[in-house]
Amino acid sequence: MTEKNMIKGRTGDWEVVIGLEVHAQVFRQAKLFSGADTSFGAEPNEQVSLVDAAMPGMLPVINKVAIEQAVRTGLGIKAQINRFSVFDRKNYFYPDSAAGLSDNTVR
């Protein structure tokens, strides 16, 4: 990282990182990070796994077939396919969801 990529701040130097969130629909019978079903017409909260509910100790595992489909799509549109990608799990606070609370949240 070079000096020109840094912003001088009152408390030190900062690196600006801008992320891009992309949504796409693929033809799969399971979600991207869990094995939960995705059947059309299901009742609310019927297709939720322990991973989806962010239960303690439950970590997501990428759906290999979905990644293969994404790579095939990229190749089909002559896109650059990265050989390395990083997924960061985001944690949102939802007032009506205990799973959205963090240890430092005032309750």
Protein backbone atom coordinates (compact mmCIF):
# COMPACT_ATOMS: atom_id res chain seq x y z
CA MET A 1 0.00 0.00 0.00
CA THR A 2 1.40 3.40 -0.93
CA GLU A 3 1.18 6.72 0.90
CA LYS A 4 -1.11 8.15 -1.81
CA ASN A 5 -3.81 5.59 -0.94
CA MET A 6 -3.96 6.82 2.63
CA ILE A 7 -5.95 9.71 4.10
CA LYS A 8 -4.43 11.63 6.97
CA GLY A 9 -6.78 11.77 9.92
CA ARG A 10 -6.67 13.31 13.35
CA THR A 11 -6.12 9.89 14.93
CA GLY A 12 -3.83 8.48 12.25
CA ASP A 13 -3.76 7.40 8.62
CA TRP A 14 -6.84 5.76 7.10
CA GLU A 15 -7.19 3.51 4.09
CA VAL A 16 -10.38 4.03 2.12
CA VAL A 17 -12.00 0.70 1.21
CA ILE A 18 -15.12 0.73 -0.93
CA GLY A 19 -17.09 -2.49 -1.30
CA LEU A 20 -19.59 -3.46 -3.92
CA GLU A 21 -22.53 -5.68 -3.04
CA VAL A 22 -23.96 -7.53 -6.02
CA HIS A 23 -27.15 -9.56 -6.03
CA ALA A 24 -27.84 -12.23 -8.61
CA GLN A 25 -30.35 -15.02 -8.89
CA VAL A 26 -29.14 -18.47 -9.84
CA PHE A 27 -31.08 -21.62 -10.52
CA ARG A 28 -30.36 -23.65 -7.38
CA GLN A 29 -32.50 -25.52 -4.92
CA ALA A 30 -30.46 -24.21 -1.99
CA LYS A 31 -29.16 -20.86 -0.74
CA LEU A 32 -25.64 -19.62 -1.42
CA PHE A 33 -24.34 -20.01 2.15
CA SER A 34 -26.65 -22.67 3.58
CA GLY A 35 -28.44 -25.81 2.55
CA ALA A 36 -31.87 -24.30 3.23
CA ASP A 37 -34.47 -24.86 0.53
CA THR A 38 -35.56 -22.05 -1.80
CA SER A 39 -38.84 -23.45 -3.13
CA PHE A 40 -41.29 -20.87 -4.45
CA GLY A 41 -44.45 -20.33 -2.46
CA ALA A 42 -43.23 -21.49 0.94
CA GLU A 43 -44.68 -19.92 4.05
CA PRO A 44 -42.62 -17.23 5.84
CA ASN A 45 -39.71 -18.58 7.89
CA GLU A 46 -40.14 -22.15 6.60
CA GLN A 47 -36.91 -22.15 4.60
CA VAL A 48 -34.49 -20.98 7.27
CA SER A 49 -31.53 -23.00 8.52
CA LEU A 50 -29.53 -22.50 11.69
CA VAL A 51 -26.90 -20.74 9.57
CA ASP A 52 -29.49 -18.34 8.14
CA ALA A 53 -30.71 -17.56 11.65
CA ALA A 54 -27.12 -16.79 12.73
CA MET A 55 -27.29 -19.17 15.66
CA PRO A 56 -24.15 -19.24 17.82
CA GLY A 57 -21.42 -21.47 16.41
CA MET A 58 -23.07 -21.81 13.01
CA LEU A 59 -20.76 -20.72 10.19
CA PRO A 60 -21.76 -20.47 6.53
CA VAL A 61 -20.33 -22.84 3.93
CA ILE A 62 -20.33 -21.75 0.30
CA ASN A 63 -22.52 -23.69 -2.13
CA LYS A 64 -19.97 -25.15 -4.59
CA VAL A 65 -22.46 -25.60 -7.44
CA ALA A 66 -23.56 -21.95 -7.20
CA ILE A 67 -19.92 -20.85 -7.52
CA GLU A 68 -19.45 -23.11 -10.53
CA GLN A 69 -22.53 -21.54 -12.14
CA ALA A 70 -21.21 -18.04 -11.43
CA VAL A 71 -17.85 -18.87 -13.03
CA ARG A 72 -19.57 -20.34 -16.09
CA THR A 73 -21.69 -17.21 -16.40
CA GLY A 74 -18.59 -15.02 -16.13
CA LEU A 75 -16.80 -17.04 -18.79
CA GLY A 76 -19.89 -16.81 -20.99
CA ILE A 77 -19.85 -13.02 -20.89
CA LYS A 78 -16.06 -12.91 -21.22
CA ALA A 79 -15.59 -11.43 -17.75
CA GLN A 80 -12.39 -11.59 -15.74
CA ILE A 81 -12.61 -14.45 -13.24
CA ASN A 82 -10.70 -13.84 -10.03
CA ARG A 83 -8.86 -16.87 -8.73
CA PHE A 84 -9.26 -15.65 -5.15
CA SER A 85 -12.30 -14.06 -3.49
CA VAL A 86 -13.05 -13.15 0.09
CA PHE A 87 -16.49 -13.22 1.66
CA ASP A 88 -17.04 -11.28 4.86
CA ARG A 89 -20.09 -12.11 6.93
CA LYS A 90 -21.99 -8.97 7.74
CA ASN A 91 -23.70 -8.60 11.06
CA TYR A 92 -26.72 -6.35 11.09
CA PHE A 93 -28.69 -5.24 14.11
CA TYR A 94 -32.39 -5.88 13.77
CA PRO A 95 -34.35 -4.77 16.85
CA ASP A 96 -36.74 -7.71 16.52
CA SER A 97 -34.05 -10.38 16.16
CA ALA A 98 -32.02 -11.61 19.12
CA ALA A 99 -29.50 -13.10 16.66
CA GLY A 100 -28.77 -9.57 15.43
CA LEU A 101 -27.51 -8.47 18.83
CA SER A 102 -23.81 -8.30 19.52
CA ASP A 103 -22.14 -8.76 22.91
CA ASN A 104 -21.70 -5.01 23.30
CA THR A 105 -25.30 -4.08 22.47
CA VAL A 106 -27.29 -2.39 25.19
CA ARG A 107 -30.35 -4.53 25.94
